[in-house]
């Protein structure tokens, strides 16, 4: 069953989620965005390994924006 959400509903959801983090909310949201947008990793550890590998540095730069 497809889920249809308007952009404003999605922004509201992200705002509510952001407010749930008492500390380091920006970092937590960055991590969630990175995990959701990366289909080659299945864990935070794998994501960190990619970020620390100079051979993949160019591809991992998108997570630092």
N, C-alpha and C. Protein backbone atom coordinates (compact mmCIF):
# COMPACT_ATOMS: atom_id res chain seq x y z
N UNK A 1 0.84 -1.17 0.00
CA UNK A 1 0.00 0.00 0.00
C UNK A 1 0.89 1.25 0.00
N UNK A 2 0.80 2.07 -1.00
CA UNK A 2 1.66 3.26 -1.06
C UNK A 2 1.27 4.30 -0.01
N UNK A 3 2.28 4.98 0.49
CA UNK A 3 2.05 6.05 1.45
C UNK A 3 2.27 7.36 0.72
N UNK A 4 1.27 8.20 0.72
CA UNK A 4 1.35 9.48 0.04
C UNK A 4 1.39 10.58 1.10
N UNK A 5 2.48 11.35 1.07
CA UNK A 5 2.67 12.41 2.04
C UNK A 5 3.03 13.68 1.29
N UNK A 6 2.41 14.77 1.67
CA UNK A 6 2.76 16.04 1.04
C UNK A 6 4.08 16.54 1.61
N UNK A 7 4.70 17.46 0.90
CA UNK A 7 5.98 18.01 1.35
C UNK A 7 5.84 18.69 2.72
N UNK A 8 4.75 19.40 2.91
CA UNK A 8 4.55 20.09 4.20
C UNK A 8 4.36 19.08 5.34
N UNK A 9 3.69 17.97 5.07
CA UNK A 9 3.52 16.94 6.10
C UNK A 9 4.88 16.31 6.44
N UNK A 10 5.69 16.10 5.41
CA UNK A 10 7.01 15.52 5.63
C UNK A 10 7.89 16.48 6.43
N UNK A 11 7.85 17.76 6.10
CA UNK A 11 8.63 18.76 6.83
C UNK A 11 8.18 18.83 8.30
N UNK A 12 6.88 18.73 8.52
CA UNK A 12 6.35 18.75 9.88
C UNK A 12 6.85 17.52 10.65
N UNK A 13 6.83 16.37 10.01
CA UNK A 13 7.32 15.14 10.63
C UNK A 13 8.80 15.27 11.00
N UNK A 14 9.61 15.79 10.07
CA UNK A 14 11.05 15.97 10.34
C UNK A 14 11.26 16.94 11.50
N UNK A 15 10.47 18.00 11.55
CA UNK A 15 10.58 18.96 12.64
C UNK A 15 10.25 18.33 13.98
N UNK A 16 9.20 17.53 14.01
CA UNK A 16 8.81 16.84 15.25
C UNK A 16 9.87 15.82 15.66
N UNK A 17 10.43 15.12 14.68
CA UNK A 17 11.49 14.16 14.97
C UNK A 17 12.72 14.88 15.50
N UNK A 18 13.10 15.97 14.87
CA UNK A 18 14.25 16.77 15.29
C UNK A 18 14.08 17.22 16.75
N UNK A 19 12.89 17.62 17.11
CA UNK A 19 12.64 18.11 18.47
C UNK A 19 12.71 17.00 19.52
N UNK A 20 12.68 15.75 19.12
CA UNK A 20 12.78 14.63 20.06
C UNK A 20 14.21 14.44 20.56
N UNK A 21 15.18 14.94 19.81
CA UNK A 21 16.59 14.80 20.21
C UNK A 21 16.95 15.98 21.10
N UNK A 22 17.29 15.71 22.35
CA UNK A 22 17.62 16.79 23.28
C UNK A 22 19.04 17.30 23.05
N UNK A 23 19.94 16.44 22.63
CA UNK A 23 21.33 16.82 22.40
C UNK A 23 21.76 16.35 21.02
N UNK A 24 22.54 17.15 20.36
CA UNK A 24 23.11 16.81 19.05
C UNK A 24 22.04 16.49 18.01
N UNK A 25 20.98 17.25 17.99
CA UNK A 25 19.89 17.00 17.05
C UNK A 25 20.35 17.10 15.60
N UNK A 26 21.21 18.07 15.29
CA UNK A 26 21.71 18.21 13.92
C UNK A 26 22.49 16.97 13.50
N UNK A 27 23.34 16.48 14.38
CA UNK A 27 24.13 15.29 14.07
C UNK A 27 23.26 14.06 13.90
N UNK A 28 22.26 13.94 14.76
CA UNK A 28 21.35 12.79 14.65
C UNK A 28 20.59 12.81 13.34
N UNK A 29 20.11 13.98 12.94
CA UNK A 29 19.38 14.08 11.68
C UNK A 29 20.31 13.84 10.49
N UNK A 30 21.55 14.33 10.57
CA UNK A 30 22.52 14.07 9.49
C UNK A 30 22.76 12.56 9.35
N UNK A 31 22.88 11.88 10.48
CA UNK A 31 23.09 10.43 10.46
C UNK A 31 21.89 9.72 9.85
N UNK A 32 20.70 10.10 10.25
CA UNK A 32 19.50 9.49 9.68
C UNK A 32 19.42 9.72 8.17
N UNK A 33 19.72 10.94 7.74
CA UNK A 33 19.70 11.25 6.31
C UNK A 33 20.73 10.40 5.56
N UNK A 34 21.92 10.27 6.13
CA UNK A 34 22.97 9.49 5.48
C UNK A 34 22.57 8.02 5.38
N UNK A 35 22.04 7.47 6.43
CA UNK A 35 21.63 6.07 6.41
C UNK A 35 20.48 5.82 5.44
N UNK A 36 19.56 6.77 5.37
CA UNK A 36 18.40 6.61 4.48
C UNK A 36 18.76 6.79 3.02
N UNK A 37 19.79 7.57 2.74
CA UNK A 37 20.14 7.85 1.35
C UNK A 37 21.22 6.91 0.81
N UNK A 38 21.81 6.10 1.66
CA UNK A 38 22.88 5.22 1.23
C UNK A 38 22.37 3.78 1.18
N UNK A 39 22.31 3.22 -0.01
CA UNK A 39 21.79 1.87 -0.17
C UNK A 39 22.90 0.81 -0.18
N UNK A 40 24.15 1.25 -0.03
CA UNK A 40 25.27 0.31 -0.05
C UNK A 40 25.67 -0.14 1.35
N UNK A 41 25.15 0.51 2.36
CA UNK A 41 25.49 0.14 3.72
C UNK A 41 24.24 -0.27 4.49
N UNK A 42 24.46 -1.06 5.51
CA UNK A 42 23.31 -1.50 6.32
C UNK A 42 23.51 -1.16 7.79
N UNK A 43 24.59 -0.41 8.11
CA UNK A 43 24.81 -0.05 9.51
C UNK A 43 25.63 1.22 9.59
N UNK A 44 25.64 1.81 10.78
CA UNK A 44 26.45 3.00 11.03
C UNK A 44 27.92 2.66 10.88
N UNK A 45 28.32 1.47 11.29
CA UNK A 45 29.72 1.06 11.20
C UNK A 45 30.17 1.05 9.74
N UNK A 46 29.38 0.47 8.86
CA UNK A 46 29.73 0.44 7.44
C UNK A 46 29.79 1.85 6.86
N UNK A 47 28.90 2.71 7.27
CA UNK A 47 28.89 4.08 6.80
C UNK A 47 30.17 4.79 7.24
N UNK A 48 30.61 4.56 8.47
CA UNK A 48 31.85 5.16 8.97
C UNK A 48 33.06 4.61 8.24
N UNK A 49 33.06 3.32 7.91
CA UNK A 49 34.18 2.73 7.18
C UNK A 49 34.31 3.36 5.80
N UNK A 50 33.20 3.63 5.15
CA UNK A 50 33.24 4.29 3.85
C UNK A 50 33.79 5.70 4.00
N UNK A 51 33.35 6.41 5.02
CA UNK A 51 33.79 7.78 5.24
C UNK A 51 35.28 7.86 5.54
N UNK A 52 35.84 6.83 6.18
CA UNK A 52 37.26 6.82 6.55
C UNK A 52 38.16 6.23 5.49
N UNK A 53 37.61 5.67 4.44
CA UNK A 53 38.41 5.04 3.40
C UNK A 53 38.74 6.08 2.32
N UNK A 54 40.02 6.41 2.13
CA UNK A 54 40.38 7.42 1.13
C UNK A 54 39.92 7.06 -0.28
N UNK A 55 39.82 5.78 -0.59
CA UNK A 55 39.38 5.36 -1.93
C UNK A 55 37.93 5.73 -2.18
N UNK A 56 37.14 5.86 -1.13
CA UNK A 56 35.72 6.20 -1.28
C UNK A 56 35.41 7.61 -0.81
N UNK A 57 36.45 8.38 -0.53
CA UNK A 57 36.26 9.72 0.03
C UNK A 57 35.38 10.59 -0.85
N UNK A 58 35.59 10.53 -2.15
CA UNK A 58 34.79 11.37 -3.06
C UNK A 58 33.31 11.03 -2.96
N UNK A 59 32.99 9.74 -2.91
CA UNK A 59 31.58 9.36 -2.86
C UNK A 59 30.96 9.64 -1.48
N UNK A 60 31.77 9.66 -0.45
CA UNK A 60 31.23 9.90 0.90
C UNK A 60 31.10 11.38 1.21
N UNK A 61 31.65 12.25 0.40
CA UNK A 61 31.55 13.68 0.67
C UNK A 61 30.11 14.18 0.68
N UNK A 62 29.21 13.51 0.03
CA UNK A 62 27.82 13.95 0.03
C UNK A 62 27.18 13.87 1.40
N UNK A 63 27.77 13.05 2.31
CA UNK A 63 27.23 12.93 3.65
C UNK A 63 27.69 14.06 4.56
N UNK A 64 28.66 14.83 4.13
CA UNK A 64 29.21 15.89 4.97
C UNK A 64 28.56 17.23 4.70
N UNK A 65 27.62 17.32 3.79
CA UNK A 65 26.98 18.60 3.49
C UNK A 65 25.98 18.98 4.52
